[in-house]
Each structure stands twice: as structure tokens, then as C-alpha cells.
PDB file of N, CA and C in Angstrom:
ATOM      1  N   UNK A   1       0.821  -1.189   0.000  1.00  0.00           N
ATOM      2  CA  UNK A   1       0.000   0.000   0.000  1.00  0.00           C
ATOM      3  C   UNK A   1       0.874   1.266   0.000  1.00  0.00           C
ATOM      4  N   UNK A   2       1.946   1.210   0.741  1.00  0.00           N
ATOM      5  CA  UNK A   2       2.839   2.351   0.843  1.00  0.00           C
ATOM      6  C   UNK A   2       3.495   2.661  -0.510  1.00  0.00           C
ATOM      7  N   UNK A   3       3.811   1.614  -1.268  1.00  0.00           N
ATOM      8  CA  UNK A   3       4.435   1.814  -2.574  1.00  0.00           C
ATOM      9  C   UNK A   3       3.446   2.406  -3.582  1.00  0.00           C
ATOM     10  N   UNK A   4       2.172   2.065  -3.456  1.00  0.00           N
ATOM     11  CA  UNK A   4       1.153   2.634  -4.344  1.00  0.00           C
ATOM     12  C   UNK A   4       0.993   4.127  -4.081  1.00  0.00           C
ATOM     13  N   UNK A   5       0.971   4.497  -2.811  1.00  0.00           N
ATOM     14  CA  UNK A   5       0.869   5.907  -2.455  1.00  0.00           C
ATOM     15  C   UNK A   5       2.098   6.663  -2.950  1.00  0.00           C
ATOM     16  N   UNK A   6       3.274   6.073  -2.779  1.00  0.00           N
ATOM     17  CA  UNK A   6       4.506   6.689  -3.265  1.00  0.00           C
ATOM     18  C   UNK A   6       4.465   6.851  -4.789  1.00  0.00           C
ATOM     19  N   UNK A   7       3.976   5.834  -5.483  1.00  0.00           N
ATOM     20  CA  UNK A   7       3.857   5.886  -6.940  1.00  0.00           C
ATOM     21  C   UNK A   7       2.942   7.035  -7.364  1.00  0.00           C
ATOM     22  N   UNK A   8       1.771   7.135  -6.735  1.00  0.00           N
ATOM     23  CA  UNK A   8       0.810   8.173  -7.095  1.00  0.00           C
ATOM     24  C   UNK A   8       1.327   9.576  -6.774  1.00  0.00           C
ATOM     25  N   UNK A   9       2.000   9.712  -5.649  1.00  0.00           N
ATOM     26  CA  UNK A   9       2.556  11.018  -5.289  1.00  0.00           C
ATOM     27  C   UNK A   9       3.675  11.408  -6.258  1.00  0.00           C
ATOM     28  N   UNK A  10       4.518  10.452  -6.589  1.00  0.00           N
ATOM     29  CA  UNK A  10       5.592  10.713  -7.546  1.00  0.00           C
ATOM     30  C   UNK A  10       5.012  11.086  -8.905  1.00  0.00           C
ATOM     31  N   UNK A  11       3.988  10.371  -9.331  1.00  0.00           N
ATOM     32  CA  UNK A  11       3.344  10.651 -10.611  1.00  0.00           C
ATOM     33  C   UNK A  11       2.775  12.070 -10.631  1.00  0.00           C
ATOM     34  N   UNK A  12       2.093  12.452  -9.565  1.00  0.00           N
ATOM     35  CA  UNK A  12       1.504  13.790  -9.495  1.00  0.00           C
ATOM     36  C   UNK A  12       2.587  14.873  -9.533  1.00  0.00           C
ATOM     37  N   UNK A  13       3.648  14.671  -8.783  1.00  0.00           N
ATOM     38  CA  UNK A  13       4.730  15.662  -8.768  1.00  0.00           C
ATOM     39  C   UNK A  13       5.430  15.769 -10.118  1.00  0.00           C
ATOM     40  N   UNK A  14       5.702  14.643 -10.731  1.00  0.00           N
ATOM     41  CA  UNK A  14       6.370  14.651 -12.036  1.00  0.00           C
ATOM     42  C   UNK A  14       5.458  15.288 -13.088  1.00  0.00           C
ATOM     43  N   UNK A  15       4.155  14.971 -13.023  1.00  0.00           N
ATOM     44  CA  UNK A  15       3.219  15.557 -13.984  1.00  0.00           C
ATOM     45  C   UNK A  15       3.163  17.075 -13.835  1.00  0.00           C
ATOM     46  N   UNK A  16       3.060  17.559 -12.620  1.00  0.00           N
ATOM     47  CA  UNK A  16       3.007  19.002 -12.382  1.00  0.00           C
ATOM     48  C   UNK A  16       4.281  19.668 -12.898  1.00  0.00           C
ATOM     49  N   UNK A  17       5.425  19.097 -12.564  1.00  0.00           N
ATOM     50  CA  UNK A  17       6.697  19.644 -13.037  1.00  0.00           C
ATOM     51  C   UNK A  17       6.761  19.628 -14.562  1.00  0.00           C
ATOM     52  N   UNK A  18       6.445  18.501 -15.169  1.00  0.00           N
ATOM     53  CA  UNK A  18       6.528  18.344 -16.617  1.00  0.00           C
ATOM     54  C   UNK A  18       5.573  19.304 -17.316  1.00  0.00           C
ATOM     55  N   UNK A  19       4.359  19.419 -16.798  1.00  0.00           N
ATOM     56  CA  UNK A  19       3.362  20.270 -17.423  1.00  0.00           C
ATOM     57  C   UNK A  19       3.759  21.745 -17.362  1.00  0.00           C
ATOM     58  N   UNK A  20       4.148  22.215 -16.187  1.00  0.00           N
ATOM     59  CA  UNK A  20       4.435  23.635 -16.033  1.00  0.00           C
ATOM     60  C   UNK A  20       5.756  24.069 -16.646  1.00  0.00           C
ATOM     61  N   UNK A  21       6.761  23.225 -16.607  1.00  0.00           N
ATOM     62  CA  UNK A  21       8.070  23.645 -17.084  1.00  0.00           C
ATOM     63  C   UNK A  21       8.395  23.220 -18.505  1.00  0.00           C
ATOM     64  N   UNK A  22       7.679  22.265 -19.045  1.00  0.00           N
ATOM     65  CA  UNK A  22       7.992  21.803 -20.394  1.00  0.00           C
ATOM     66  C   UNK A  22       6.816  22.019 -21.343  1.00  0.00           C
ATOM     67  N   UNK A  23       5.650  21.542 -20.978  1.00  0.00           N
ATOM     68  CA  UNK A  23       4.506  21.586 -21.872  1.00  0.00           C
ATOM     69  C   UNK A  23       3.911  22.983 -21.992  1.00  0.00           C
ATOM     70  N   UNK A  24       3.825  23.687 -20.911  1.00  0.00           N
ATOM     71  CA  UNK A  24       3.171  24.992 -20.906  1.00  0.00           C
ATOM     72  C   UNK A  24       3.888  26.011 -21.787  1.00  0.00           C
ATOM     73  N   UNK A  25       5.163  25.839 -21.975  1.00  0.00           N
ATOM     74  CA  UNK A  25       5.933  26.761 -22.812  1.00  0.00           C
ATOM     75  C   UNK A  25       5.600  26.611 -24.298  1.00  0.00           C
ATOM     76  N   UNK A  26       5.014  25.496 -24.681  1.00  0.00           N
ATOM     77  CA  UNK A  26       4.756  25.221 -26.100  1.00  0.00           C
ATOM     78  C   UNK A  26       3.271  25.008 -26.366  1.00  0.00           C
ATOM     79  N   UNK A  27       2.422  25.756 -25.709  1.00  0.00           N
ATOM     80  CA  UNK A  27       0.979  25.540 -25.831  1.00  0.00           C
ATOM     81  C   UNK A  27       0.402  25.951 -27.174  1.00  0.00           C
ATOM     82  N   UNK A  28       1.005  26.877 -27.873  1.00  0.00           N
ATOM     83  CA  UNK A  28       0.442  27.365 -29.124  1.00  0.00           C
ATOM     84  C   UNK A  28       0.946  26.544 -30.299  1.00  0.00           C
ATOM     85  N   UNK A  29       0.041  26.254 -31.239  1.00  0.00           N
ATOM     86  CA  UNK A  29       0.416  25.493 -32.422  1.00  0.00           C
ATOM     87  C   UNK A  29       1.482  26.209 -33.238  1.00  0.00           C
ATOM     88  N   UNK A  30       1.367  27.496 -33.336  1.00  0.00           N
ATOM     89  CA  UNK A  30       2.282  28.272 -34.174  1.00  0.00           C
ATOM     90  C   UNK A  30       3.585  28.606 -33.471  1.00  0.00           C
ATOM     91  N   UNK A  31       3.736  28.130 -32.247  1.00  0.00           N
ATOM     92  CA  UNK A  31       4.953  28.388 -31.499  1.00  0.00           C
ATOM     93  C   UNK A  31       6.134  27.724 -32.214  1.00  0.00           C
ATOM     94  N   UNK A  32       7.265  28.385 -32.184  1.00  0.00           N
ATOM     95  CA  UNK A  32       8.456  27.813 -32.827  1.00  0.00           C
ATOM     96  C   UNK A  32       9.003  26.637 -32.039  1.00  0.00           C
ATOM     97  N   UNK A  33       8.629  26.551 -30.771  1.00  0.00           N
ATOM     98  CA  UNK A  33       9.093  25.450 -29.932  1.00  0.00           C
ATOM     99  C   UNK A  33       8.051  24.329 -29.935  1.00  0.00           C
ATOM    100  N   UNK A  34       8.254  23.368 -30.806  1.00  0.00           N
ATOM    101  CA  UNK A  34       7.389  22.188 -30.824  1.00  0.00           C
ATOM    102  C   UNK A  34       8.122  21.102 -30.052  1.00  0.00           C
ATOM    103  N   UNK A  35       7.447  20.484 -29.076  1.00  0.00           N
ATOM    104  CA  UNK A  35       8.121  19.430 -28.309  1.00  0.00           C
ATOM    105  C   UNK A  35       8.587  18.288 -29.208  1.00  0.00           C
ATOM    106  N   UNK A  36       9.676  17.680 -28.826  1.00  0.00           N
ATOM    107  CA  UNK A  36      10.218  16.560 -29.601  1.00  0.00           C
ATOM    108  C   UNK A  36       9.222  15.413 -29.692  1.00  0.00           C
ATOM    109  N   UNK A  37       8.402  15.256 -28.660  1.00  0.00           N
ATOM    110  CA  UNK A  37       7.395  14.197 -28.655  1.00  0.00           C
ATOM    111  C   UNK A  37       6.384  14.411 -29.784  1.00  0.00           C
ATOM    112  N   UNK A  38       5.976  15.671 -29.977  1.00  0.00           N
ATOM    113  CA  UNK A  38       5.023  15.982 -31.047  1.00  0.00           C
ATOM    114  C   UNK A  38       5.683  15.748 -32.404  1.00  0.00           C
ATOM    115  N   UNK A  39       6.920  16.175 -32.553  1.00  0.00           N
ATOM    116  CA  UNK A  39       7.647  15.954 -33.805  1.00  0.00           C
ATOM    117  C   UNK A  39       7.758  14.462 -34.112  1.00  0.00           C
ATOM    118  N   UNK A  40       8.024  13.665 -33.086  1.00  0.00           N
ATOM    119  CA  UNK A  40       8.130  12.216 -33.275  1.00  0.00           C
ATOM    120  C   UNK A  40       6.793  11.635 -33.732  1.00  0.00           C
ATOM    121  N   UNK A  41       5.710  12.029 -33.062  1.00  0.00           N
ATOM    122  CA  UNK A  41       4.390  11.500 -33.414  1.00  0.00           C
ATOM    123  C   UNK A  41       3.973  11.932 -34.823  1.00  0.00           C
ATOM    124  N   UNK A  42       4.253  13.171 -35.183  1.00  0.00           N
ATOM    125  CA  UNK A  42       3.904  13.662 -36.523  1.00  0.00           C
ATOM    126  C   UNK A  42       4.717  12.922 -37.578  1.00  0.00           C
ATOM    127  N   UNK A  43       6.001  12.732 -37.332  1.00  0.00           N
ATOM    128  CA  UNK A  43       6.852  12.048 -38.297  1.00  0.00           C
ATOM    129  C   UNK A  43       6.567  10.564 -38.424  1.00  0.00           C
ATOM    130  N   UNK A  44       6.423   9.900 -37.321  1.00  0.00           N
ATOM    131  CA  UNK A  44       6.263   8.443 -37.331  1.00  0.00           C
ATOM    132  C   UNK A  44       4.840   8.004 -37.709  1.00  0.00           C
ATOM    133  N   UNK A  45       3.834   8.694 -37.183  1.00  0.00           N
ATOM    134  CA  UNK A  45       2.444   8.266 -37.373  1.00  0.00           C
ATOM    135  C   UNK A  45       1.657   9.180 -38.305  1.00  0.00           C
ATOM    136  N   UNK A  46       2.350  10.138 -38.934  1.00  0.00           N
ATOM    137  CA  UNK A  46       1.737  11.052 -39.896  1.00  0.00           C
ATOM    138  C   UNK A  46       0.510  11.762 -39.317  1.00  0.00           C
ATOM    139  N   UNK A  47       0.626  12.226 -38.070  1.00  0.00           N
ATOM    140  CA  UNK A  47      -0.486  12.934 -37.444  1.00  0.00           C
ATOM    141  C   UNK A  47      -0.655  14.299 -38.098  1.00  0.00           C
ATOM    142  N   UNK A  48      -1.903  14.700 -38.250  1.00  0.00           N
ATOM    143  CA  UNK A  48      -2.221  16.001 -38.821  1.00  0.00           C
ATOM    144  C   UNK A  48      -2.584  16.945 -37.677  1.00  0.00           C
ATOM    145  N   UNK A  49      -1.729  17.911 -37.423  1.00  0.00           N
ATOM    146  CA  UNK A  49      -1.955  18.824 -36.302  1.00  0.00           C
ATOM    147  C   UNK A  49      -3.167  19.722 -36.517  1.00  0.00           C
ATOM    148  N   UNK A  50      -3.660  19.823 -37.759  1.00  0.00           N
ATOM    149  CA  UNK A  50      -4.859  20.609 -38.022  1.00  0.00           C
ATOM    150  C   UNK A  50      -6.112  19.892 -37.516  1.00  0.00           C
ATOM    151  N   UNK A  51      -6.072  18.573 -37.461  1.00  0.00           N
ATOM    152  CA  UNK A  51      -7.217  17.786 -37.010  1.00  0.00           C
ATOM    153  C   UNK A  51      -7.203  17.545 -35.502  1.00  0.00           C
ATOM    154  N   UNK A  52      -6.074  17.759 -34.876  1.00  0.00           N
ATOM    155  CA  UNK A  52      -5.892  17.418 -33.466  1.00  0.00           C
ATOM    156  C   UNK A  52      -6.037  18.656 -32.602  1.00  0.00           C
ATOM    157  N   UNK A  53      -6.688  18.486 -31.452  1.00  0.00           N
ATOM    158  CA  UNK A  53      -6.708  19.543 -30.440  1.00  0.00           C
ATOM    159  C   UNK A  53      -5.320  19.559 -29.808  1.00  0.00           C
ATOM    160  N   UNK A  54      -4.540  20.585 -30.160  1.00  0.00           N
ATOM    161  CA  UNK A  54      -3.127  20.637 -29.781  1.00  0.00           C
ATOM    162  C   UNK A  54      -2.937  20.673 -28.268  1.00  0.00           C
ATOM    163  N   UNK A  55      -3.790  21.402 -27.565  1.00  0.00           N
ATOM    164  CA  UNK A  55      -3.671  21.479 -26.107  1.00  0.00           C
ATOM    165  C   UNK A  55      -3.926  20.119 -25.470  1.00  0.00           C
ATOM    166  N   UNK A  56      -4.900  19.390 -26.006  1.00  0.00           N
ATOM    167  CA  UNK A  56      -5.184  18.051 -25.495  1.00  0.00           C
ATOM    168  C   UNK A  56      -4.010  17.107 -25.775  1.00  0.00           C
ATOM    169  N   UNK A  57      -3.403  17.241 -26.948  1.00  0.00           N
ATOM    170  CA  UNK A  57      -2.232  16.427 -27.279  1.00  0.00           C
ATOM    171  C   UNK A  57      -1.095  16.690 -26.303  1.00  0.00           C
ATOM    172  N   UNK A  58      -0.870  17.962 -25.963  1.00  0.00           N
ATOM    173  CA  UNK A  58       0.192  18.298 -25.017  1.00  0.00           C
ATOM    174  C   UNK A  58      -0.099  17.742 -23.625  1.00  0.00           C
ATOM    175  N   UNK A  59      -1.346  17.742 -23.222  1.00  0.00           N
ATOM    176  CA  UNK A  59      -1.701  17.160 -21.918  1.00  0.00           C
ATOM    177  C   UNK A  59      -1.478  15.654 -21.941  1.00  0.00           C
ATOM    178  N   UNK A  60      -1.854  14.996 -23.038  1.00  0.00           N
ATOM    179  CA  UNK A  60      -1.630  13.550 -23.157  1.00  0.00           C
ATOM    180  C   UNK A  60      -0.144  13.244 -23.131  1.00  0.00           C
ATOM    181  N   UNK A  61       0.654  14.055 -23.804  1.00  0.00           N
ATOM    182  CA  UNK A  61       2.101  13.871 -23.787  1.00  0.00           C
ATOM    183  C   UNK A  61       2.633  14.046 -22.370  1.00  0.00           C
ATOM    184  N   UNK A  62       2.129  15.030 -21.651  1.00  0.00           N
ATOM    185  CA  UNK A  62       2.556  15.236 -20.255  1.00  0.00           C
ATOM    186  C   UNK A  62       2.194  14.038 -19.395  1.00  0.00           C
ATOM    187  N   UNK A  63       0.989  13.521 -19.568  1.00  0.00           N
ATOM    188  CA  UNK A  63       0.555  12.358 -18.792  1.00  0.00           C
ATOM    189  C   UNK A  63       1.406  11.130 -19.094  1.00  0.00           C
ATOM    190  N   UNK A  64       1.662  10.906 -20.375  1.00  0.00           N
ATOM    191  CA  UNK A  64       2.428   9.724 -20.783  1.00  0.00           C
ATOM    192  C   UNK A  64       3.886   9.828 -20.343  1.00  0.00           C
ATOM    193  N   UNK A  65       4.493  10.976 -20.549  1.00  0.00           N
ATOM    194  CA  UNK A  65       5.891  11.147 -20.150  1.00  0.00           C
ATOM    195  C   UNK A  65       6.054  11.040 -18.638  1.00  0.00           C
ATOM    196  N   UNK A  66       5.103  11.594 -17.915  1.00  0.00           N
ATOM    197  CA  UNK A  66       5.143  11.499 -16.453  1.00  0.00           C
ATOM    198  C   UNK A  66       4.995  10.051 -15.993  1.00  0.00           C
ATOM    199  N   UNK A  67       4.132   9.314 -16.668  1.00  0.00           N
ATOM    200  CA  UNK A  67       3.964   7.909 -16.312  1.00  0.00           C
ATOM    201  C   UNK A  67       5.236   7.121 -16.602  1.00  0.00           C
ATOM    202  N   UNK A  68       5.870   7.400 -17.729  1.00  0.00           N
ATOM    203  CA  UNK A  68       7.129   6.726 -18.071  1.00  0.00           C
ATOM    204  C   UNK A  68       8.187   6.975 -16.996  1.00  0.00           C
ATOM    205  N   UNK A  69       8.360   8.227 -16.640  1.00  0.00           N
ATOM    206  CA  UNK A  69       9.361   8.588 -15.633  1.00  0.00           C
ATOM    207  C   UNK A  69       9.037   7.934 -14.297  1.00  0.00           C
ATOM    208  N   UNK A  70       7.772   7.969 -13.921  1.00  0.00           N
ATOM    209  CA  UNK A  70       7.360   7.402 -12.630  1.00  0.00           C
ATOM    210  C   UNK A  70       7.552   5.895 -12.590  1.00  0.00           C
ATOM    211  N   UNK A  71       7.242   5.213 -13.668  1.00  0.00           N
ATOM    212  CA  UNK A  71       7.431   3.757 -13.708  1.00  0.00           C
ATOM    213  C   UNK A  71       8.903   3.408 -13.524  1.00  0.00           C
ATOM    214  N   UNK A  72       9.768   4.095 -14.228  1.00  0.00           N
ATOM    215  CA  UNK A  72      11.198   3.797 -14.145  1.00  0.00           C
ATOM    216  C   UNK A  72      11.746   4.132 -12.762  1.00  0.00           C
ATOM    217  N   UNK A  73      11.342   5.265 -12.204  1.00  0.00           N
ATOM    218  CA  UNK A  73      11.809   5.640 -10.865  1.00  0.00           C
ATOM    219  C   UNK A  73      11.305   4.653  -9.822  1.00  0.00           C
ATOM    220  N   UNK A  74      10.054   4.232  -9.931  1.00  0.00           N
ATOM    221  CA  UNK A  74       9.495   3.273  -8.978  1.00  0.00           C
ATOM    222  C   UNK A  74      10.231   1.943  -9.041  1.00  0.00           C
ATOM    223  N   UNK A  75      10.552   1.493 -10.244  1.00  0.00           N
ATOM    224  CA  UNK A  75      11.300   0.239 -10.371  1.00  0.00           C
ATOM    225  C   UNK A  75      12.717   0.373  -9.817  1.00  0.00           C
ATOM    226  N   UNK A  76      13.294   1.553  -9.977  1.00  0.00           N
ATOM    227  CA  UNK A  76      14.645   1.764  -9.459  1.00  0.00           C
ATOM    228  C   UNK A  76      14.663   1.772  -7.935  1.00  0.00           C
ATOM    229  N   UNK A  77      13.607   2.239  -7.325  1.00  0.00           N
ATOM    230  CA  UNK A  77      13.538   2.310  -5.861  1.00  0.00           C
ATOM    231  C   UNK A  77      13.515   0.913  -5.236  1.00  0.00           C
ATOM    232  N   UNK A  78      13.057  -0.063  -5.992  1.00  0.00           N
ATOM    233  CA  UNK A  78      12.950  -1.424  -5.469  1.00  0.00           C
ATOM    234  C   UNK A  78      14.311  -2.072  -5.202  1.00  0.00           C
ATOM    235  N   UNK A  79      15.361  -1.550  -5.810  1.00  0.00           N
ATOM    236  CA  UNK A  79      16.695  -2.133  -5.665  1.00  0.00           C
ATOM    237  C   UNK A  79      17.586  -1.224  -4.827  1.00  0.00           C
ATOM    238  N   UNK A  80      18.535  -1.834  -4.135  1.00  0.00           N
ATOM    239  CA  UNK A  80      19.431  -1.061  -3.274  1.00  0.00           C
ATOM    240  C   UNK A  80      20.750  -0.721  -3.949  1.00  0.00           C
ATOM    241  N   UNK A  81      21.206  -1.554  -4.820  1.00  0.00           N
ATOM    242  CA  UNK A  81      22.484  -1.341  -5.478  1.00  0.00           C
ATOM    243  C   UNK A  81      22.367  -0.243  -6.539  1.00  0.00           C
ATOM    244  N   UNK A  82      23.289   0.720  -6.479  1.00  0.00           N
ATOM    245  CA  UNK A  82      23.272   1.806  -7.452  1.00  0.00           C
ATOM    246  C   UNK A  82      23.585   1.309  -8.854  1.00  0.00           C
ATOM    247  N   UNK A  83      24.408   0.294  -8.949  1.00  0.00           N
ATOM    248  CA  UNK A  83      24.746  -0.273 -10.246  1.00  0.00           C
ATOM    249  C   UNK A  83      23.512  -0.903 -10.893  1.00  0.00           C
ATOM    250  N   UNK A  84      22.749  -1.649 -10.120  1.00  0.00           N
ATOM    251  CA  UNK A  84      21.528  -2.269 -10.643  1.00  0.00           C
ATOM    252  C   UNK A  84      20.520  -1.189 -11.024  1.00  0.00           C
ATOM    253  N   UNK A  85      20.412  -0.139 -10.211  1.00  0.00           N
ATOM    254  CA  UNK A  85      19.497   0.959 -10.531  1.00  0.00           C
ATOM    255  C   UNK A  85      19.875   1.608 -11.857  1.00  0.00           C
ATOM    256  N   UNK A  86      21.146   1.858 -12.037  1.00  0.00           N
ATOM    257  CA  UNK A  86      21.624   2.488 -13.257  1.00  0.00           C
ATOM    258  C   UNK A  86      21.389   1.598 -14.471  1.00  0.00           C
ATOM    259  N   UNK A  87      21.732   0.325 -14.346  1.00  0.00           N
ATOM    260  CA  UNK A  87      21.520  -0.618 -15.447  1.00  0.00           C
ATOM    261  C   UNK A  87      20.037  -0.758 -15.783  1.00  0.00           C
ATOM    262  N   UNK A  88      19.207  -0.820 -14.767  1.00  0.00           N
ATOM    263  CA  UNK A  88      17.771  -0.923 -14.968  1.00  0.00           C
ATOM    264  C   UNK A  88      17.235   0.297 -15.719  1.00  0.00           C
ATOM    265  N   UNK A  89      17.676   1.467 -15.316  1.00  0.00           N
ATOM    266  CA  UNK A  89      17.233   2.696 -15.984  1.00  0.00           C
ATOM    267  C   UNK A  89      17.690   2.721 -17.435  1.00  0.00           C
ATOM    268  N   UNK A  90      18.939   2.350 -17.670  1.00  0.00           N
ATOM    269  CA  UNK A  90      19.479   2.358 -19.031  1.00  0.00           C
ATOM    270  C   UNK A  90      18.743   1.367 -19.924  1.00  0.00           C
ATOM    271  N   UNK A  91      18.449   0.195 -19.386  1.00  0.00           N
ATOM    272  CA  UNK A  91      17.793  -0.848 -20.177  1.00  0.00           C
ATOM    273  C   UNK A  91      16.320  -0.519 -20.428  1.00  0.00           C
ATOM    274  N   UNK A  92      15.640   0.069 -19.473  1.00  0.00           N
ATOM    275  CA  UNK A  92      14.199   0.260 -19.590  1.00  0.00           C
ATOM    276  C   UNK A  92      13.754   1.573 -20.227  1.00  0.00           C
ATOM    277  N   UNK A  93      14.545   2.592 -20.165  1.00  0.00           N
ATOM    278  CA  UNK A  93      14.055   3.914 -20.540  1.00  0.00           C
ATOM    279  C   UNK A  93      13.617   3.996 -22.007  1.00  0.00           C
ATOM    280  N   UNK A  94      14.416   3.505 -22.920  1.00  0.00           N
ATOM    281  CA  UNK A  94      14.069   3.598 -24.345  1.00  0.00           C
ATOM    282  C   UNK A  94      12.855   2.734 -24.703  1.00  0.00           C
ATOM    283  N   UNK A  95      12.798   1.459 -24.293  1.00  0.00           N
ATOM    284  CA  UNK A  95      11.608   0.662 -24.625  1.00  0.00           C
ATOM    285  C   UNK A  95      10.318   1.221 -24.014  1.00  0.00           C
ATOM    286  N   UNK A  96      10.387   1.707 -22.795  1.00  0.00           N
ATOM    287  CA  UNK A  96       9.188   2.253 -22.163  1.00  0.00           C
ATOM    288  C   UNK A  96       8.691   3.483 -22.921  1.00  0.00           C
ATOM    289  N   UNK A  97       9.594   4.346 -23.304  1.00  0.00           N
ATOM    290  CA  UNK A  97       9.208   5.553 -24.054  1.00  0.00           C
ATOM    291  C   UNK A  97       8.619   5.177 -25.414  1.00  0.00           C
ATOM    292  N   UNK A  98       9.281   4.295 -26.149  1.00  0.00           N
ATOM    293  CA  UNK A  98       8.771   3.922 -27.465  1.00  0.00           C
ATOM    294  C   UNK A  98       7.425   3.210 -27.382  1.00  0.00           C
ATOM    295  N   UNK A  99       7.250   2.349 -26.407  1.00  0.00           N
ATOM    296  CA  UNK A  99       5.970   1.653 -26.258  1.00  0.00           C
ATOM    297  C   UNK A  99       4.855   2.638 -25.929  1.00  0.00           C
ATOM    298  N   UNK A 100       5.105   3.542 -24.998  1.00  0.00           N
ATOM    299  CA  UNK A 100       4.053   4.475 -24.614  1.00  0.00           C
ATOM    300  C   UNK A 100       3.678   5.417 -25.759  1.00  0.00           C
ATOM    301  N   UNK A 101       4.666   5.920 -26.494  1.00  0.00           N
ATOM    302  CA  UNK A 101       4.347   6.800 -27.610  1.00  0.00           C
ATOM    303  C   UNK A 101       3.773   6.043 -28.798  1.00  0.00           C
ATOM    304  N   UNK A 102       4.083   4.769 -28.907  1.00  0.00           N
ATOM    305  CA  UNK A 102       3.428   3.937 -29.920  1.00  0.00           C
ATOM    306  C   UNK A 102       1.933   3.845 -29.614  1.00  0.00           C
ATOM    307  N   UNK A 103       1.602   3.663 -28.349  1.00  0.00           N
ATOM    308  CA  UNK A 103       0.189   3.593 -27.964  1.00  0.00           C
ATOM    309  C   UNK A 103      -0.524   4.918 -28.234  1.00  0.00           C
ATOM    310  N   UNK A 104       0.135   6.027 -27.960  1.00  0.00           N
ATOM    311  CA  UNK A 104      -0.459   7.343 -28.239  1.00  0.00           C
ATOM    312  C   UNK A 104      -0.649   7.515 -29.748  1.00  0.00           C
ATOM    313  N   UNK A 105       0.357   7.152 -30.521  1.00  0.00           N
ATOM    314  CA  UNK A 105       0.257   7.264 -31.976  1.00  0.00           C
ATOM    315  C   UNK A 105      -0.855   6.393 -32.542  1.00  0.00           C
ATOM    316  N   UNK A 106      -0.986   5.183 -32.031  1.00  0.00           N
ATOM    317  CA  UNK A 106      -2.047   4.289 -32.500  1.00  0.00           C
ATOM    318  C   UNK A 106      -3.427   4.813 -32.108  1.00  0.00           C
ATOM    319  N   UNK A 107      -3.521   5.441 -30.944  1.00  0.00           N
ATOM    320  CA  UNK A 107      -4.781   6.048 -30.502  1.00  0.00           C
ATOM    321  C   UNK A 107      -5.220   7.119 -31.495  1.00  0.00           C
ATOM    322  N   UNK A 108      -4.320   8.014 -31.835  1.00  0.00           N
ATOM    323  CA  UNK A 108      -4.666   9.079 -32.768  1.00  0.00           C
ATOM    324  C   UNK A 108      -4.885   8.548 -34.179  1.00  0.00           C
ATOM    325  N   UNK A 109      -4.169   7.518 -34.559  1.00  0.00           N
ATOM    326  CA  UNK A 109      -4.367   6.910 -35.861  1.00  0.00           C
ATOM    327  C   UNK A 109      -5.756   6.272 -35.952  1.00  0.00           C
ATOM    328  N   UNK A 110      -6.159   5.623 -34.878  1.00  0.00           N
ATOM    329  CA  UNK A 110      -7.474   4.983 -34.837  1.00  0.00           C
ATOM    330  C   UNK A 110      -8.594   6.020 -34.892  1.00  0.00           C
ATOM    331  N   UNK A 111      -8.345   7.190 -34.305  1.00  0.00           N
ATOM    332  CA  UNK A 111      -9.324   8.276 -34.311  1.00  0.00           C
ATOM    333  C   UNK A 111      -9.389   8.985 -35.668  1.00  0.00           C
ATOM    334  N   UNK A 112      -8.485   8.654 -36.579  1.00  0.00           N
ATOM    335  CA  UNK A 112      -8.477   9.262 -37.907  1.00  0.00           C
ATOM    336  C   UNK A 112      -7.831  10.630 -37.950  1.00  0.00           C
ATOM    337  N   UNK A 113      -6.881  10.873 -37.082  1.00  0.00           N
ATOM    338  CA  UNK A 113      -6.229  12.174 -37.005  1.00  0.00           C
ATOM    339  C   UNK A 113      -4.918  12.200 -37.792  1.00  0.00           C
ATOM    340  N   UNK A 114      -4.842  11.392 -38.853  1.00  0.00           N
ATOM    341  CA  UNK A 114      -3.620  11.334 -39.646  1.00  0.00           C
ATOM    342  C   UNK A 114      -3.795  12.112 -40.940  1.00  0.00           C
ATOM    343  N   UNK A 115      -2.656  12.395 -41.573  1.00  0.00           N
ATOM    344  CA  UNK A 115      -2.676  13.076 -42.866  1.00  0.00           C
ATOM    345  C   UNK A 115      -3.142  12.087 -43.916  1.00  0.00           C
ATOM    346  N   UNK A 116      -3.868  12.564 -44.888  1.00  0.00           N
ATOM    347  CA  UNK A 116      -4.312  11.702 -45.985  1.00  0.00           C
ATOM    348  C   UNK A 116      -3.188  11.592 -47.000  1.00  0.00           C
ATOM    349  N   UNK A 117      -2.472  10.477 -46.911  1.00  0.00           N
ATOM    350  CA  UNK A 117      -1.311  10.289 -47.775  1.00  0.00           C
ATOM    351  C   UNK A 117      -1.699   9.500 -48.996  1.00  0.00           C
TER     352      UNK A 117
END
């Protein structure tokens, strides 16, 4: 039970930090600062930003990125050895990010928010 509370608190803190310091700076579609996550989704899944509610996309990106960070941090807390923590983070970070953004891309693809190629 204690680990679940820690997970939820960590998730909330990471989400607040991520949203205010990273996502909020790029809220406008015409902003020159497009998050790398949006660029990845547009490039890989051919998302059409004209069809997508950009603010909602940024919130989803904040939620997903926060969940990724929280999952990895929670798994690292389970081990005592710093070497194991480091190896675990190195091994898990890329697959977790790609899997989560694949799910986001498939969600938008299923909704028909892609460019007509």
C-alpha cells in the first residue's frame, strides 16, 4: 500500500513539473518550440496537427511522459544497489518511451487524425 501511495505522489509531482516547465511553454500550435514528442508522433504516425486539439495532445504527452518517468523511478527504488538501478534505468528507458508513444500514436491513428497520404 505504501508503494502505491509513493507511486501516485511521484506521478503527481512529475506531472506538475513536466506540465508547467515543459509543456506549458509550447501551448500554441504556431509556437516555434514544438516538443520533440510531437515531432516524433507527426513524423512516425503522420499525425495532422490541423485535425488534433493541440492542447489536449500536449496534456496527453505530459501524462504519458510522467507515467514513463514514474514507472522507471518506482522500479529503481525497489533495488538497493546503485549499479543495478543504473543498469535498470538504461535498459528500460528507451523501450518504455517507445511503447508508450506507440500507444499514443495508435490512438490518434485509430481516431483518424492522420494526414491523408
